[in-house]
Amino acid sequence: MQLRQSLTVQPAASFLATFTSFYPTKTLSYLFLWGFLWVSYGSLLGLYSILIFFLHFQKLPEVDTYLGDIFYHFHKMGL
């Protein structure tokens, strides 16, 4: 039990130790982690928008109707 716990905790602890030694203050390390998460989230949104654009121009009726309904409701809500 203790071996399994040390195996799961050790990589996260070593990563945080390496990360905080590279960025000495906690504020810089948290800002860097927040920026990394923000950029990865933005890239996922970009991939999702490319997928929607690709599927929209495939002219598949079920996908076109589904996306049309989504965009219509967004338009009604004022977004």
PDB file of N, CA and C in Angstrom:
ATOM      1  N   MET A   1       0.825  -1.196   0.000  1.00  0.00           N
ATOM      2  CA  MET A   1       0.000   0.000   0.000  1.00  0.00           C
ATOM      3  C   MET A   1       0.869   1.260   0.000  1.00  0.00           C
ATOM      4  N   GLN A   2       1.896   1.230   0.827  1.00  0.00           N
ATOM      5  CA  GLN A   2       2.759   2.402   0.903  1.00  0.00           C
ATOM      6  C   GLN A   2       3.590   2.553  -0.364  1.00  0.00           C
ATOM      7  N   LEU A   3       3.976   1.437  -0.969  1.00  0.00           N
ATOM      8  CA  LEU A   3       4.740   1.503  -2.218  1.00  0.00           C
ATOM      9  C   LEU A   3       3.892   2.112  -3.330  1.00  0.00           C
ATOM     10  N   ARG A   4       2.634   1.704  -3.409  1.00  0.00           N
ATOM     11  CA  ARG A   4       1.751   2.251  -4.434  1.00  0.00           C
ATOM     12  C   ARG A   4       1.536   3.750  -4.225  1.00  0.00           C
ATOM     13  N   GLN A   5       1.398   4.164  -2.980  1.00  0.00           N
ATOM     14  CA  GLN A   5       1.196   5.580  -2.692  1.00  0.00           C
ATOM     15  C   GLN A   5       2.443   6.383  -3.046  1.00  0.00           C
ATOM     16  N   SER A   6       3.616   5.840  -2.775  1.00  0.00           N
ATOM     17  CA  SER A   6       4.840   6.571  -3.106  1.00  0.00           C
ATOM     18  C   SER A   6       5.038   6.650  -4.612  1.00  0.00           C
ATOM     19  N   LEU A   7       4.577   5.647  -5.342  1.00  0.00           N
ATOM     20  CA  LEU A   7       4.706   5.691  -6.800  1.00  0.00           C
ATOM     21  C   LEU A   7       3.780   6.731  -7.408  1.00  0.00           C
ATOM     22  N   THR A   8       2.616   6.932  -6.813  1.00  0.00           N
ATOM     23  CA  THR A   8       1.700   7.914  -7.391  1.00  0.00           C
ATOM     24  C   THR A   8       2.052   9.334  -6.978  1.00  0.00           C
ATOM     25  N   VAL A   9       2.594   9.521  -5.783  1.00  0.00           N
ATOM     26  CA  VAL A   9       2.888  10.866  -5.307  1.00  0.00           C
ATOM     27  C   VAL A   9       4.223  11.364  -5.846  1.00  0.00           C
ATOM     28  N   GLN A  10       5.157  10.466  -6.059  1.00  0.00           N
ATOM     29  CA  GLN A  10       6.517  10.864  -6.403  1.00  0.00           C
ATOM     30  C   GLN A  10       6.625  11.650  -7.715  1.00  0.00           C
ATOM     31  N   PRO A  11       5.980  11.246  -8.827  1.00  0.00           N
ATOM     32  CA  PRO A  11       6.158  12.048 -10.049  1.00  0.00           C
ATOM     33  C   PRO A  11       5.629  13.469  -9.911  1.00  0.00           C
ATOM     34  N   ALA A  12       4.498  13.632  -9.232  1.00  0.00           N
ATOM     35  CA  ALA A  12       3.957  14.981  -9.049  1.00  0.00           C
ATOM     36  C   ALA A  12       4.869  15.806  -8.156  1.00  0.00           C
ATOM     37  N   ALA A  13       5.411  15.188  -7.111  1.00  0.00           N
ATOM     38  CA  ALA A  13       6.296  15.921  -6.212  1.00  0.00           C
ATOM     39  C   ALA A  13       7.592  16.302  -6.911  1.00  0.00           C
ATOM     40  N   SER A  14       8.136  15.392  -7.717  1.00  0.00           N
ATOM     41  CA  SER A  14       9.384  15.718  -8.413  1.00  0.00           C
ATOM     42  C   SER A  14       9.138  16.779  -9.482  1.00  0.00           C
ATOM     43  N   PHE A  15       7.982  16.735 -10.135  1.00  0.00           N
ATOM     44  CA  PHE A  15       7.673  17.763 -11.130  1.00  0.00           C
ATOM     45  C   PHE A  15       7.539  19.129 -10.471  1.00  0.00           C
ATOM     46  N   LEU A  16       6.841  19.169  -9.331  1.00  0.00           N
ATOM     47  CA  LEU A  16       6.681  20.449  -8.640  1.00  0.00           C
ATOM     48  C   LEU A  16       8.006  20.962  -8.094  1.00  0.00           C
ATOM     49  N   ALA A  17       8.861  20.047  -7.628  1.00  0.00           N
ATOM     50  CA  ALA A  17      10.165  20.479  -7.128  1.00  0.00           C
ATOM     51  C   ALA A  17      11.011  21.044  -8.262  1.00  0.00           C
ATOM     52  N   THR A  18      10.997  20.386  -9.410  1.00  0.00           N
ATOM     53  CA  THR A  18      11.744  20.894 -10.564  1.00  0.00           C
ATOM     54  C   THR A  18      11.156  22.213 -11.040  1.00  0.00           C
ATOM     55  N   PHE A  19       9.845  22.298 -11.050  1.00  0.00           N
ATOM     56  CA  PHE A  19       9.183  23.500 -11.542  1.00  0.00           C
ATOM     57  C   PHE A  19       9.449  24.690 -10.629  1.00  0.00           C
ATOM     58  N   THR A  20       9.361  24.472  -9.312  1.00  0.00           N
ATOM     59  CA  THR A  20       9.591  25.588  -8.399  1.00  0.00           C
ATOM     60  C   THR A  20      11.063  25.948  -8.294  1.00  0.00           C
ATOM     61  N   SER A  21      11.962  25.018  -8.620  1.00  0.00           N
ATOM     62  CA  SER A  21      13.376  25.399  -8.635  1.00  0.00           C
ATOM     63  C   SER A  21      13.681  26.220  -9.886  1.00  0.00           C
ATOM     64  N   PHE A  22      12.953  25.970 -10.967  1.00  0.00           N
ATOM     65  CA  PHE A  22      13.151  26.755 -12.184  1.00  0.00           C
ATOM     66  C   PHE A  22      12.557  28.151 -12.027  1.00  0.00           C
ATOM     67  N   TYR A  23      11.388  28.232 -11.434  1.00  0.00           N
ATOM     68  CA  TYR A  23      10.757  29.517 -11.115  1.00  0.00           C
ATOM     69  C   TYR A  23      10.797  29.685  -9.598  1.00  0.00           C
ATOM     70  N   PRO A  24      11.677  30.535  -9.085  1.00  0.00           N
ATOM     71  CA  PRO A  24      11.926  30.533  -7.634  1.00  0.00           C
ATOM     72  C   PRO A  24      10.750  30.998  -6.782  1.00  0.00           C
ATOM     73  N   THR A  25       9.942  31.911  -7.270  1.00  0.00           N
ATOM     74  CA  THR A  25       8.833  32.382  -6.436  1.00  0.00           C
ATOM     75  C   THR A  25       7.564  31.635  -6.794  1.00  0.00           C
ATOM     76  N   LYS A  26       6.691  31.514  -5.824  1.00  0.00           N
ATOM     77  CA  LYS A  26       5.437  30.806  -6.065  1.00  0.00           C
ATOM     78  C   LYS A  26       4.550  31.577  -7.026  1.00  0.00           C
ATOM     79  N   THR A  27       4.614  32.896  -6.972  1.00  0.00           N
ATOM     80  CA  THR A  27       3.761  33.698  -7.849  1.00  0.00           C
ATOM     81  C   THR A  27       4.119  33.462  -9.304  1.00  0.00           C
ATOM     82  N   LEU A  28       5.411  33.434  -9.614  1.00  0.00           N
ATOM     83  CA  LEU A  28       5.817  33.187 -10.997  1.00  0.00           C
ATOM     84  C   LEU A  28       5.438  31.786 -11.444  1.00  0.00           C
ATOM     85  N   SER A  29       5.592  30.815 -10.560  1.00  0.00           N
ATOM     86  CA  SER A  29       5.251  29.450 -10.949  1.00  0.00           C
ATOM     87  C   SER A  29       3.753  29.310 -11.176  1.00  0.00           C
ATOM     88  N   TYR A  30       2.937  29.946 -10.318  1.00  0.00           N
ATOM     89  CA  TYR A  30       1.492  29.879 -10.516  1.00  0.00           C
ATOM     90  C   TYR A  30       1.068  30.619 -11.783  1.00  0.00           C
ATOM     91  N   LEU A  31       1.700  31.749 -12.059  1.00  0.00           N
ATOM     92  CA  LEU A  31       1.381  32.471 -13.288  1.00  0.00           C
ATOM     93  C   LEU A  31       1.752  31.658 -14.516  1.00  0.00           C
ATOM     94  N   PHE A  32       2.893  30.976 -14.454  1.00  0.00           N
ATOM     95  CA  PHE A  32       3.292  30.153 -15.589  1.00  0.00           C
ATOM     96  C   PHE A  32       2.340  28.981 -15.778  1.00  0.00           C
ATOM     97  N   LEU A  33       1.953  28.329 -14.677  1.00  0.00           N
ATOM     98  CA  LEU A  33       1.004  27.218 -14.789  1.00  0.00           C
ATOM     99  C   LEU A  33      -0.341  27.703 -15.318  1.00  0.00           C
ATOM    100  N   TRP A  34      -0.811  28.853 -14.841  1.00  0.00           N
ATOM    101  CA  TRP A  34      -2.079  29.402 -15.315  1.00  0.00           C
ATOM    102  C   TRP A  34      -1.992  29.740 -16.804  1.00  0.00           C
ATOM    103  N   GLY A  35      -0.863  30.313 -17.227  1.00  0.00           N
ATOM    104  CA  GLY A  35      -0.682  30.613 -18.642  1.00  0.00           C
ATOM    105  C   GLY A  35      -0.637  29.363 -19.489  1.00  0.00           C
ATOM    106  N   PHE A  36       0.017  28.325 -18.986  1.00  0.00           N
ATOM    107  CA  PHE A  36       0.073  27.068 -19.733  1.00  0.00           C
ATOM    108  C   PHE A  36      -1.318  26.472 -19.886  1.00  0.00           C
ATOM    109  N   LEU A  37      -2.111  26.489 -18.807  1.00  0.00           N
ATOM    110  CA  LEU A  37      -3.473  25.970 -18.900  1.00  0.00           C
ATOM    111  C   LEU A  37      -4.327  26.816 -19.837  1.00  0.00           C
ATOM    112  N   TRP A  38      -4.136  28.134 -19.814  1.00  0.00           N
ATOM    113  CA  TRP A  38      -4.907  29.022 -20.668  1.00  0.00           C
ATOM    114  C   TRP A  38      -4.584  28.779 -22.144  1.00  0.00           C
ATOM    115  N   VAL A  39      -3.294  28.603 -22.453  1.00  0.00           N
ATOM    116  CA  VAL A  39      -2.893  28.365 -23.843  1.00  0.00           C
ATOM    117  C   VAL A  39      -3.388  27.007 -24.315  1.00  0.00           C
ATOM    118  N   SER A  40      -3.323  25.996 -23.464  1.00  0.00           N
ATOM    119  CA  SER A  40      -3.807  24.681 -23.880  1.00  0.00           C
ATOM    120  C   SER A  40      -5.320  24.703 -24.079  1.00  0.00           C
ATOM    121  N   TYR A  41      -6.034  25.444 -23.234  1.00  0.00           N
ATOM    122  CA  TYR A  41      -7.481  25.575 -23.406  1.00  0.00           C
ATOM    123  C   TYR A  41      -7.804  26.308 -24.709  1.00  0.00           C
ATOM    124  N   GLY A  42      -7.043  27.353 -25.014  1.00  0.00           N
ATOM    125  CA  GLY A  42      -7.257  28.078 -26.263  1.00  0.00           C
ATOM    126  C   GLY A  42      -6.966  27.231 -27.479  1.00  0.00           C
ATOM    127  N   SER A  43      -5.942  26.387 -27.402  1.00  0.00           N
ATOM    128  CA  SER A  43      -5.643  25.535 -28.548  1.00  0.00           C
ATOM    129  C   SER A  43      -6.732  24.485 -28.735  1.00  0.00           C
ATOM    130  N   LEU A  44      -7.301  23.991 -27.633  1.00  0.00           N
ATOM    131  CA  LEU A  44      -8.414  23.052 -27.764  1.00  0.00           C
ATOM    132  C   LEU A  44      -9.632  23.733 -28.376  1.00  0.00           C
ATOM    133  N   LEU A  45      -9.894  24.973 -27.984  1.00  0.00           N
ATOM    134  CA  LEU A  45     -11.004  25.705 -28.595  1.00  0.00           C
ATOM    135  C   LEU A  45     -10.755  25.947 -30.077  1.00  0.00           C
ATOM    136  N   GLY A  46      -9.494  26.224 -30.430  1.00  0.00           N
ATOM    137  CA  GLY A  46      -9.162  26.414 -31.837  1.00  0.00           C
ATOM    138  C   GLY A  46      -9.372  25.147 -32.642  1.00  0.00           C
ATOM    139  N   LEU A  47      -8.966  24.008 -32.095  1.00  0.00           N
ATOM    140  CA  LEU A  47      -9.183  22.737 -32.791  1.00  0.00           C
ATOM    141  C   LEU A  47     -10.671  22.439 -32.927  1.00  0.00           C
ATOM    142  N   TYR A  48     -11.446  22.767 -31.891  1.00  0.00           N
ATOM    143  CA  TYR A  48     -12.884  22.541 -31.947  1.00  0.00           C
ATOM    144  C   TYR A  48     -13.540  23.432 -33.003  1.00  0.00           C
ATOM    145  N   SER A  49     -13.085  24.678 -33.119  1.00  0.00           N
ATOM    146  CA  SER A  49     -13.669  25.565 -34.126  1.00  0.00           C
ATOM    147  C   SER A  49     -13.299  25.115 -35.535  1.00  0.00           C
ATOM    148  N   ILE A  50     -12.082  24.598 -35.717  1.00  0.00           N
ATOM    149  CA  ILE A  50     -11.700  24.062 -37.026  1.00  0.00           C
ATOM    150  C   ILE A  50     -12.564  22.854 -37.366  1.00  0.00           C
ATOM    151  N   LEU A  51     -12.836  22.009 -36.365  1.00  0.00           N
ATOM    152  CA  LEU A  51     -13.689  20.843 -36.592  1.00  0.00           C
ATOM    153  C   LEU A  51     -15.101  21.271 -36.973  1.00  0.00           C
ATOM    154  N   ILE A  52     -15.653  22.270 -36.298  1.00  0.00           N
ATOM    155  CA  ILE A  52     -16.991  22.760 -36.638  1.00  0.00           C
ATOM    156  C   ILE A  52     -16.998  23.340 -38.055  1.00  0.00           C
ATOM    157  N   PHE A  53     -15.958  24.106 -38.396  1.00  0.00           N
ATOM    158  CA  PHE A  53     -15.877  24.691 -39.729  1.00  0.00           C
ATOM    159  C   PHE A  53     -15.811  23.598 -40.791  1.00  0.00           C
ATOM    160  N   PHE A  54     -15.012  22.557 -40.531  1.00  0.00           N
ATOM    161  CA  PHE A  54     -14.872  21.461 -41.491  1.00  0.00           C
ATOM    162  C   PHE A  54     -16.184  20.706 -41.643  1.00  0.00           C
ATOM    163  N   LEU A  55     -16.843  20.416 -40.516  1.00  0.00           N
ATOM    164  CA  LEU A  55     -18.093  19.665 -40.585  1.00  0.00           C
ATOM    165  C   LEU A  55     -19.215  20.493 -41.198  1.00  0.00           C
ATOM    166  N   HIS A  56     -19.163  21.797 -41.019  1.00  0.00           N
ATOM    167  CA  HIS A  56     -20.219  22.640 -41.562  1.00  0.00           C
ATOM    168  C   HIS A  56     -20.181  22.644 -43.089  1.00  0.00           C
ATOM    169  N   PHE A  57     -18.979  22.600 -43.652  1.00  0.00           N
ATOM    170  CA  PHE A  57     -18.869  22.631 -45.105  1.00  0.00           C
ATOM    171  C   PHE A  57     -18.826  21.252 -45.734  1.00  0.00           C
ATOM    172  N   GLN A  58     -19.053  20.206 -44.951  1.00  0.00           N
ATOM    173  CA  GLN A  58     -19.204  18.875 -45.526  1.00  0.00           C
ATOM    174  C   GLN A  58     -20.616  18.673 -46.073  1.00  0.00           C
ATOM    175  N   LYS A  59     -21.522  19.539 -45.683  1.00  0.00           N
ATOM    176  CA  LYS A  59     -22.921  19.503 -46.122  1.00  0.00           C
ATOM    177  C   LYS A  59     -23.602  18.186 -45.740  1.00  0.00           C
ATOM    178  N   LEU A  60     -23.278  17.707 -44.550  1.00  0.00           N
ATOM    179  CA  LEU A  60     -24.021  16.576 -44.015  1.00  0.00           C
ATOM    180  C   LEU A  60     -25.293  17.130 -43.382  1.00  0.00           C
ATOM    181  N   PRO A  61     -26.451  16.632 -43.757  1.00  0.00           N
ATOM    182  CA  PRO A  61     -27.685  17.278 -43.294  1.00  0.00           C
ATOM    183  C   PRO A  61     -27.861  17.242 -41.777  1.00  0.00           C
ATOM    184  N   GLU A  62     -27.484  16.108 -41.132  1.00  0.00           N
ATOM    185  CA  GLU A  62     -27.714  16.050 -39.687  1.00  0.00           C
ATOM    186  C   GLU A  62     -26.755  16.974 -38.944  1.00  0.00           C
ATOM    187  N   VAL A  63     -25.513  17.065 -39.406  1.00  0.00           N
ATOM    188  CA  VAL A  63     -24.551  17.957 -38.760  1.00  0.00           C
ATOM    189  C   VAL A  63     -24.929  19.407 -39.028  1.00  0.00           C
ATOM    190  N   ASP A  64     -25.340  19.699 -40.257  1.00  0.00           N
ATOM    191  CA  ASP A  64     -25.704  21.069 -40.609  1.00  0.00           C
ATOM    192  C   ASP A  64     -26.925  21.522 -39.807  1.00  0.00           C
ATOM    193  N   THR A  65     -27.901  20.651 -39.650  1.00  0.00           N
ATOM    194  CA  THR A  65     -29.088  20.998 -38.875  1.00  0.00           C
ATOM    195  C   THR A  65     -28.740  21.189 -37.405  1.00  0.00           C
ATOM    196  N   TYR A  66     -27.896  20.305 -36.883  1.00  0.00           N
ATOM    197  CA  TYR A  66     -27.509  20.402 -35.475  1.00  0.00           C
ATOM    198  C   TYR A  66     -26.751  21.696 -35.204  1.00  0.00           C
ATOM    199  N   LEU A  67     -25.773  22.009 -36.045  1.00  0.00           N
ATOM    200  CA  LEU A  67     -25.009  23.243 -35.864  1.00  0.00           C
ATOM    201  C   LEU A  67     -25.881  24.466 -36.115  1.00  0.00           C
ATOM    202  N   GLY A  68     -26.805  24.366 -37.083  1.00  0.00           N
ATOM    203  CA  GLY A  68     -27.716  25.475 -37.333  1.00  0.00           C
ATOM    204  C   GLY A  68     -28.596  25.770 -36.129  1.00  0.00           C
ATOM    205  N   ASP A  69     -29.060  24.712 -35.457  1.00  0.00           N
ATOM    206  CA  ASP A  69     -29.860  24.910 -34.242  1.00  0.00           C
ATOM    207  C   ASP A  69     -29.046  25.577 -33.145  1.00  0.00           C
ATOM    208  N   ILE A  70     -27.800  25.140 -32.990  1.00  0.00           N
ATOM    209  CA  ILE A  70     -26.945  25.737 -31.958  1.00  0.00           C
ATOM    210  C   ILE A  70     -26.716  27.212 -32.250  1.00  0.00           C
ATOM    211  N   PHE A  71     -26.349  27.534 -33.495  1.00  0.00           N
ATOM    212  CA  PHE A  71     -26.080  28.929 -33.836  1.00  0.00           C
ATOM    213  C   PHE A  71     -27.348  29.777 -33.761  1.00  0.00           C
ATOM    214  N   TYR A  72     -28.516  29.183 -34.076  1.00  0.00           N
ATOM    215  CA  TYR A  72     -29.769  29.922 -33.981  1.00  0.00           C
ATOM    216  C   TYR A  72     -30.082  30.284 -32.527  1.00  0.00           C
ATOM    217  N   HIS A  73     -29.870  29.335 -31.609  1.00  0.00           N
ATOM    218  CA  HIS A  73     -30.139  29.624 -30.199  1.00  0.00           C
ATOM    219  C   HIS A  73     -29.152  30.647 -29.652  1.00  0.00           C
ATOM    220  N   PHE A  74     -27.878  30.577 -30.087  1.00  0.00           N
ATOM    221  CA  PHE A  74     -26.915  31.596 -29.672  1.00  0.00           C
ATOM    222  C   PHE A  74     -27.325  32.965 -30.194  1.00  0.00           C
ATOM    223  N   HIS A  75     -27.841  33.004 -31.429  1.00  0.00           N
ATOM    224  CA  HIS A  75     -28.263  34.275 -32.009  1.00  0.00           C
ATOM    225  C   HIS A  75     -29.478  34.830 -31.260  1.00  0.00           C
ATOM    226  N   LYS A  76     -30.406  33.951 -30.867  1.00  0.00           N
ATOM    227  CA  LYS A  76     -31.573  34.402 -30.113  1.00  0.00           C
ATOM    228  C   LYS A  76     -31.182  34.936 -28.742  1.00  0.00           C
ATOM    229  N   MET A  77     -30.143  34.350 -28.145  1.00  0.00           N
ATOM    230  CA  MET A  77     -29.700  34.805 -26.833  1.00  0.00           C
ATOM    231  C   MET A  77     -28.883  36.083 -26.932  1.00  0.00           C
ATOM    232  N   GLY A  78     -28.502  36.480 -28.121  1.00  0.00           N
ATOM    233  CA  GLY A  78     -27.744  37.710 -28.291  1.00  0.00           C
ATOM    234  C   GLY A  78     -26.248  37.524 -28.237  1.00  0.00           C
ATOM    235  N   LEU A  79     -25.781  36.296 -28.387  1.00  0.00           N
ATOM    236  CA  LEU A  79     -24.334  36.047 -28.340  1.00  0.00           C
ATOM    237  C   LEU A  79     -23.732  36.073 -29.727  1.00  0.00           C
TER     238      LEU A  79
END
